[in-house]
């Protein structure tokens, strides 16, 4: 799924569940973020090893396969 498709689907789900007015209020409340995402991500992931990364990926895949069943 392309990023634009993901955003559109997410927006549709929000509107379906919250209605248009509350969707807008929710999006305003969460805002668009701040700071330098790239620097924060680098600092956060600096201590993560490749083995840990791939272990986490496998765990996510397992959880997803359970949900999809």
Protein backbone atom coordinates (compact mmCIF):
# COMPACT_ATOMS: atom_id res chain seq x y z
CA UNK A 1 0.00 0.00 0.00
CA UNK A 2 1.36 3.40 -0.98
CA UNK A 3 1.59 6.11 1.69
CA UNK A 4 -1.19 8.13 0.08
CA UNK A 5 -3.44 5.06 0.02
CA UNK A 6 -2.70 4.40 3.68
CA UNK A 7 -3.58 7.99 4.60
CA UNK A 8 -6.81 7.82 2.62
CA UNK A 9 -7.84 4.52 4.18
CA UNK A 10 -7.00 5.80 7.66
CA UNK A 11 -9.01 8.95 7.06
CA UNK A 12 -11.99 6.91 5.82
CA UNK A 13 -11.88 4.72 8.93
CA UNK A 14 -11.71 7.76 11.20
CA UNK A 15 -14.68 9.38 9.46
CA UNK A 16 -16.66 6.14 9.63
CA UNK A 17 -16.00 5.69 13.35
CA UNK A 18 -15.90 9.31 14.55
CA UNK A 19 -17.81 11.30 11.96
CA UNK A 20 -16.36 14.21 10.02
CA UNK A 21 -16.37 16.79 12.82
CA UNK A 22 -14.73 14.56 15.42
CA UNK A 23 -12.21 13.30 12.84
CA UNK A 24 -11.11 16.87 12.23
CA UNK A 25 -10.98 17.53 15.97
CA UNK A 26 -8.90 14.36 16.47
CA UNK A 27 -6.45 15.27 13.70
CA UNK A 28 -6.07 18.78 15.12
CA UNK A 29 -5.47 17.35 18.58
CA UNK A 30 -2.69 14.97 17.54
CA UNK A 31 -1.05 17.63 15.39
CA UNK A 32 1.68 17.08 12.85
CA UNK A 33 4.56 16.55 15.25
CA UNK A 34 7.62 18.61 15.89
CA UNK A 35 11.35 18.27 16.22
CA UNK A 36 13.79 16.44 13.99
CA UNK A 37 12.36 12.98 13.35
CA UNK A 38 15.53 11.74 11.66
CA UNK A 39 17.82 12.69 14.55
CA UNK A 40 15.39 11.29 17.12
CA UNK A 41 15.10 8.02 15.19
CA UNK A 42 18.87 7.70 14.89
CA UNK A 43 19.28 8.22 18.63
CA UNK A 44 16.49 5.78 19.43
CA UNK A 45 17.82 3.06 17.13
CA UNK A 46 21.51 3.63 17.84
CA UNK A 47 21.65 0.85 20.42
CA UNK A 48 19.53 -1.64 18.43
CA UNK A 49 21.55 -4.45 16.88
CA UNK A 50 20.66 -6.07 13.58
CA UNK A 51 19.82 -9.27 15.42
CA UNK A 52 17.38 -7.39 17.66
CA UNK A 53 15.89 -5.62 14.66
CA UNK A 54 15.25 -8.86 12.77
CA UNK A 55 13.93 -10.56 15.91
CA UNK A 56 11.41 -7.73 16.27
CA UNK A 57 10.44 -8.03 12.61
CA UNK A 58 9.82 -11.76 13.02
CA UNK A 59 7.70 -11.10 16.12
CA UNK A 60 5.60 -8.56 14.23
CA UNK A 61 5.14 -11.04 11.37
CA UNK A 62 4.04 -13.74 13.80
CA UNK A 63 1.54 -11.41 15.44
CA UNK A 64 0.22 -10.34 12.03
CA UNK A 65 -0.20 -13.94 10.89
CA UNK A 66 -2.19 -14.70 14.05
CA UNK A 67 -4.46 -11.71 13.43
CA UNK A 68 -4.93 -12.61 9.74
CA UNK A 69 -6.01 -16.18 10.54
